[in-house]
Protein backbone atom coordinates (compact mmCIF):
# COMPACT_ATOMS: atom_id res chain seq x y z
CA MET A 1 106.61 84.19 98.80
CA ASP A 2 107.29 84.83 102.24
CA ASP A 3 106.75 88.58 103.22
CA ALA A 4 109.83 90.65 104.05
CA THR A 5 108.07 91.90 107.17
CA ASP A 6 104.81 91.51 108.96
CA ASP A 7 104.24 95.44 108.50
CA GLN A 8 103.42 95.93 112.13
CA ASP A 9 103.04 99.41 113.57
CA ASP A 10 106.40 101.10 114.11
CA PRO A 11 107.18 100.06 117.50
CA ARG A 12 110.66 101.78 117.82
CA GLY A 13 109.77 104.73 116.00
CA ASP A 14 112.20 104.25 113.06
CA LEU A 15 109.87 105.10 110.34
CA LEU A 16 108.75 108.19 112.00
CA ALA A 17 112.10 109.42 112.90
CA LEU A 18 113.12 108.85 109.27
CA LEU A 19 110.25 110.76 107.92
CA GLY A 20 110.56 113.36 110.40
CA ARG A 21 114.08 114.05 109.64
CA ALA A 22 113.39 113.99 105.64
CA LYS A 23 113.03 117.22 103.83
CA ALA A 24 112.77 115.25 100.65
CA VAL A 25 111.69 111.62 99.73
CA LEU A 26 113.20 110.07 96.67
CA PHE A 27 111.11 107.07 95.07
CA ASP A 28 112.67 104.34 93.01
CA PHE A 29 110.12 103.94 90.16
CA ASP A 30 109.79 100.09 89.15
CA GLY A 31 108.68 98.63 92.31
CA PRO A 32 107.75 101.22 95.03
CA ILE A 33 105.52 103.29 92.42
CA CYS A 34 104.66 100.33 90.07
CA ALA A 35 105.70 97.22 88.74
CA LEU A 36 106.34 98.33 85.13
CA PHE A 37 106.20 95.05 83.32
CA ALA A 38 103.90 93.15 85.50
CA GLY A 39 100.76 93.86 83.55
CA ARG A 40 102.14 93.02 80.21
CA PRO A 41 100.54 90.09 78.39
CA ARG A 42 102.95 87.17 78.07
CA ASP A 43 103.19 86.91 74.36
CA PRO A 44 106.49 86.55 72.67
CA ARG A 45 105.11 88.92 69.93
CA THR A 46 104.94 91.69 72.45
CA ARG A 47 108.42 91.48 73.86
CA SER A 48 106.66 91.61 77.01
CA THR A 49 109.47 90.87 79.60
CA THR A 50 112.95 92.38 80.53
CA LYS A 51 114.44 88.98 79.23
CA ASP A 52 112.62 89.65 76.05
CA VAL A 53 114.07 93.14 75.81
CA ALA A 54 117.79 91.75 76.76
CA ASP A 55 117.47 89.36 73.77
CA ASP A 56 116.50 92.20 71.58
CA ILE A 57 119.56 94.24 72.72
CA LYS A 58 121.95 91.23 72.18
CA HIS A 59 120.27 90.67 68.46
CA ALA A 60 120.97 94.32 67.79
CA ALA A 61 124.68 94.24 69.20
CA ARG A 62 125.45 91.10 67.06
CA GLU A 63 123.96 92.75 64.03
CA GLU A 64 125.63 95.99 64.53
CA TRP A 65 129.10 94.46 65.45
CA GLY A 66 129.00 91.52 63.03
CA ARG A 67 129.57 89.14 65.58
CA ALA A 68 127.98 85.71 65.90
CA ARG A 69 128.37 85.99 69.70
CA LEU A 70 129.06 88.79 72.34
CA ALA A 71 131.20 88.67 75.46
CA PRO A 72 130.16 85.78 77.75
CA ASP A 73 128.61 88.22 80.47
CA VAL A 74 126.59 89.99 77.89
CA GLU A 75 125.08 86.70 76.31
CA GLU A 76 124.13 85.42 79.87
CA CYS A 77 122.03 88.72 80.46
CA VAL A 78 118.22 88.13 81.23
CA ASP A 79 117.67 91.74 82.43
CA SER A 80 117.35 94.66 80.28
CA HIS A 81 119.37 97.04 82.47
CA HIS A 82 122.07 94.44 83.08
CA ALA A 83 122.29 93.84 79.30
CA LEU A 84 122.69 97.77 78.81
CA LEU A 85 125.60 97.98 81.37
CA ARG A 86 127.40 94.95 80.27
CA LEU A 87 127.21 96.04 76.69
CA ARG A 88 128.68 99.26 77.46
CA LEU A 89 131.59 97.57 79.45
CA MET A 90 132.19 95.22 76.33
CA TYR A 91 132.39 98.54 74.22
CA ASP A 92 134.71 100.23 76.57
CA ALA A 93 137.08 97.16 76.36
CA GLU A 94 137.33 97.32 72.38
CA PRO A 95 136.20 101.02 71.68
CA ASP A 96 138.46 100.81 68.60
CA ASP A 97 136.91 97.93 67.12
CA LEU A 98 133.22 98.31 68.03
CA SER A 99 130.65 101.03 66.91
CA PRO A 100 128.92 102.96 69.56
CA VAL A 101 125.83 102.78 67.42
CA ALA A 102 124.99 99.54 68.99
CA LEU A 103 124.97 101.34 72.32
CA LYS A 104 122.28 103.85 71.00
CA ARG A 105 120.18 101.07 69.39
CA ALA A 106 120.29 99.27 72.67
CA GLU A 107 119.16 102.41 74.45
CA ASP A 108 116.28 102.96 72.16
CA ILE A 109 115.25 99.28 72.35
CA VAL A 110 114.89 99.44 76.31
CA THR A 111 113.18 102.96 76.21
CA ARG A 112 110.60 101.91 73.67
CA ALA A 113 109.99 98.67 75.80
CA GLU A 114 109.61 100.77 79.05
CA ASP A 115 107.27 103.23 77.25
CA ALA A 116 105.03 100.25 75.92
CA ALA A 117 104.82 98.77 79.23
CA VAL A 118 103.42 102.12 80.91
CA GLU A 119 99.81 101.68 80.12
CA THR A 120 99.73 98.18 81.89
CA ALA A 121 101.92 98.87 84.56
CA VAL A 122 100.70 97.60 88.04
CA ARG A 123 100.39 100.47 90.52
CA ALA A 124 102.18 99.63 94.09
CA TRP A 125 99.17 99.51 96.54
CA GLY A 126 99.13 102.57 98.68
CA VAL A 127 101.36 104.62 96.47
CA LEU A 128 98.73 107.24 95.69
CA THR A 129 97.79 107.91 99.37
CA LEU A 130 101.60 107.87 100.51
CA VAL A 131 102.76 110.33 97.90
CA LYS A 132 99.72 112.60 98.59
CA VAL A 133 100.37 112.54 102.41
CA LEU A 134 104.12 113.27 102.07
CA SER A 135 103.74 116.00 99.58
CA SER A 136 100.52 117.65 100.50
CA ASP A 137 100.19 117.28 104.04
CA LEU A 138 103.77 117.01 105.42
CA GLY A 139 105.45 119.37 102.74
CA LYS A 140 108.11 116.94 101.86
CA ARG A 141 109.68 117.37 98.52
CA LEU A 142 109.50 114.43 96.17
CA ALA A 143 111.26 113.07 93.33
CA VAL A 144 111.71 109.89 91.22
CA VAL A 145 115.06 108.35 90.92
CA SER A 146 115.37 105.41 88.55
CA ASN A 147 117.30 103.34 86.18
CA ASN A 148 114.28 103.45 83.82
CA ALA A 149 114.21 106.26 81.17
CA GLU A 150 112.50 109.39 82.05
CA ASP A 151 109.99 109.89 79.65
CA PRO A 152 108.24 106.77 80.18
CA ILE A 153 108.12 107.77 83.94
CA ARG A 154 106.75 111.13 83.28
CA ARG A 155 104.13 109.45 81.13
CA TYR A 156 103.21 106.99 83.89
CA LEU A 157 102.86 109.74 86.54
CA GLU A 158 100.45 111.59 84.23
CA LEU A 159 98.09 108.52 83.62
CA PRO A 160 94.41 109.28 84.20
CA GLY A 161 94.55 106.68 87.05
CA VAL A 162 97.44 107.84 88.69
CA ARG A 163 98.00 111.73 88.30
CA LEU A 164 100.84 112.10 90.49
CA HIS A 165 103.05 114.39 88.23
CA SER A 166 102.22 117.56 90.16
CA ASN A 167 103.33 115.98 93.49
CA PHE A 168 106.79 115.37 92.18
CA ASP A 169 109.50 117.95 91.80
CA GLY A 170 111.63 116.28 89.47
CA VAL A 171 112.03 112.86 87.53
CA PHE A 172 115.86 111.68 87.49
CA GLY A 173 116.18 108.67 85.35
CA ARG A 174 118.84 106.85 83.48
CA ASP A 175 121.42 108.76 81.58
CA PRO A 176 120.69 107.81 77.88
CA ASP A 177 124.53 108.10 77.11
CA ASP A 178 125.89 106.09 79.90
CA ALA A 179 124.55 102.96 81.20
CA ARG A 180 127.42 102.96 83.75
CA LEU A 181 125.61 105.68 85.69
CA MET A 182 122.68 103.46 86.58
CA LYS A 183 122.13 102.56 90.16
CA PRO A 184 124.25 101.34 92.07
CA ASP A 185 125.98 104.47 90.93
CA PRO A 186 124.54 107.33 92.92
CA ASP A 187 124.29 109.77 89.77
CA CYS A 188 120.38 110.09 89.54
CA VAL A 189 120.28 110.42 93.30
CA ARG A 190 122.82 113.12 93.56
CA ARG A 191 121.16 114.98 90.45
CA ALA A 192 117.94 114.84 92.44
CA ILE A 193 119.45 116.27 95.69
CA ASP A 194 121.16 118.97 93.57
CA LYS A 195 117.81 119.95 91.96
CA LEU A 196 116.10 119.79 95.27
CA SER A 197 118.66 122.15 96.96
CA VAL A 198 118.79 119.91 100.13
CA LYS A 199 121.41 118.13 101.83
CA ALA A 200 121.93 114.37 101.30
CA SER A 201 121.47 113.86 104.99
CA GLU A 202 117.96 115.40 104.69
CA CYS A 203 117.06 112.92 101.82
CA LEU A 204 115.14 109.42 102.37
CA LEU A 205 115.30 107.01 99.53
CA ILE A 206 112.78 104.36 99.09
CA GLY A 207 113.93 101.39 96.97
CA ASP A 208 113.32 97.64 96.29
CA LYS A 209 116.71 96.61 95.14
CA ILE A 210 120.12 96.40 96.80
CA SER A 211 121.36 98.83 94.09
CA ASP A 212 119.01 101.30 95.41
CA LEU A 213 120.48 100.80 99.03
CA ASP A 214 124.01 101.14 97.48
CA ALA A 215 123.11 104.15 95.73
CA ALA A 216 121.58 105.68 98.82
CA ARG A 217 124.53 104.92 100.85
CA SER A 218 127.12 106.52 98.26
CA ALA A 219 125.10 109.57 97.97
CA GLY A 220 124.53 109.82 101.72
CA THR A 221 120.75 109.54 102.07
CA SER A 222 118.75 107.46 104.37
CA PHE A 223 116.96 104.40 103.20
CA ILE A 224 113.82 102.55 103.39
CA GLY A 225 113.77 99.13 101.64
CA TYR A 226 110.62 98.08 100.09
CA THR A 227 110.27 94.23 99.16
CA LYS A 228 108.53 91.17 99.72
CA LYS A 229 111.31 88.82 99.41
CA ARG A 230 112.46 87.78 102.73
CA ALA A 231 115.96 86.92 101.45
CA ARG A 232 116.49 90.55 100.04
CA ALA A 233 114.83 92.03 103.06
CA THR A 234 117.53 90.23 105.29
CA GLN A 235 120.11 91.16 102.90
CA MET A 236 119.11 94.84 103.13
CA LYS A 237 119.03 94.85 106.88
CA ASP A 238 122.47 93.20 106.96
CA ARG A 239 123.98 96.15 104.81
CA GLY A 240 122.53 98.80 106.96
CA ALA A 241 118.96 99.46 105.79
CA GLU A 242 117.39 101.33 108.45
CA VAL A 243 113.93 99.99 107.98
CA VAL A 244 112.61 97.38 105.37
CA VAL A 245 108.72 96.97 104.82
CA SER A 246 106.78 94.86 102.42
CA SER A 247 104.32 97.25 101.54
CA HIS A 248 103.42 101.03 101.93
CA HIS A 249 101.16 100.36 104.89
CA PRO A 250 103.58 101.24 107.65
CA VAL A 251 104.98 104.25 105.99
CA ILE A 252 101.58 105.75 105.45
CA ARG A 253 100.72 104.97 109.10
CA ALA A 254 103.87 106.68 110.30
CA ALA A 255 103.24 109.76 107.70
CA ARG A 256 99.79 110.18 109.14
CA THR A 257 101.07 109.96 112.84
CA LEU A 258 103.81 112.62 112.13
CA ARG A 259 100.79 114.73 110.51
CA GLU A 260 99.14 114.75 113.86
CA LEU A 261 102.19 115.71 116.03
CA PRO A 262 101.71 118.94 117.87
CA PRO A 263 103.86 122.00 117.24
CA ASN A 264 106.12 121.62 120.14
CA SER A 265 107.15 118.07 119.01
CA PRO A 266 110.80 117.24 118.56
CA PRO A 267 112.62 119.26 115.71
CA GLU A 268 113.16 116.03 113.59
CA CYS A 269 109.45 115.51 113.62
CA ARG A 270 107.86 118.87 112.85
CA VAL A 271 105.97 119.30 109.62
CA ARG A 272 107.35 121.63 107.12
CA PRO A 273 104.73 123.52 104.93
CA ARG A 274 104.51 122.43 101.26
CA ARG A 275 106.37 125.00 99.11
CA SER A 276 104.10 126.68 96.37
């Protein structure tokens, strides 16, 4: 797989400027913090992939709704979050004929799968350092904004080998009652902005998907793309991403540079003390 960038230093100062302007940094979860399902054993009995989870959702919906087949776009789903959304849209098209119980069962299936994956999730390289430099050294307020359920995210942040929960001011995950509010809808981003009491323009979102970029744009935040996929990196840049990196290396370097700037540095680069 080609890298999205060569992760050089920040020659134009884009990362330094983005971090300097930001009072708050919002992290997507699955990708920038960890690869949630990457460590699961490839065993059909464990339902270890998002495709397995999508299949479980479809089975439950067929059972609940008494149908041999669901709408074509639901049947074609190979991703758990897409299955949640498309199942909700199928229900919205026939609310008088379909029971909402299927939606609740689907949400429970996905949440259980995410929770089961927490223990084997593969931590993103450098994320511990990045979070601690941003939070403890630079005084940035941090939050998680994710399409994953909130409880599995919190449990991951509290794992003995992670212990980042105290660095984050909040976790804003999938609305269990409305899959339509997952990113690219900006709902979780706006909830984070409201809780942190900052302006959208003072927030920076780090995400690995186009849906993260779209949510950032809709909410009015800045954005750093995080992906090793060259095609996705190009797509992000074409859609206006300020910076795209393939690891946390250059972001950490920029954060450390920002930490060392003198007090008379430009206003957008001054370090803000961490709130107690």
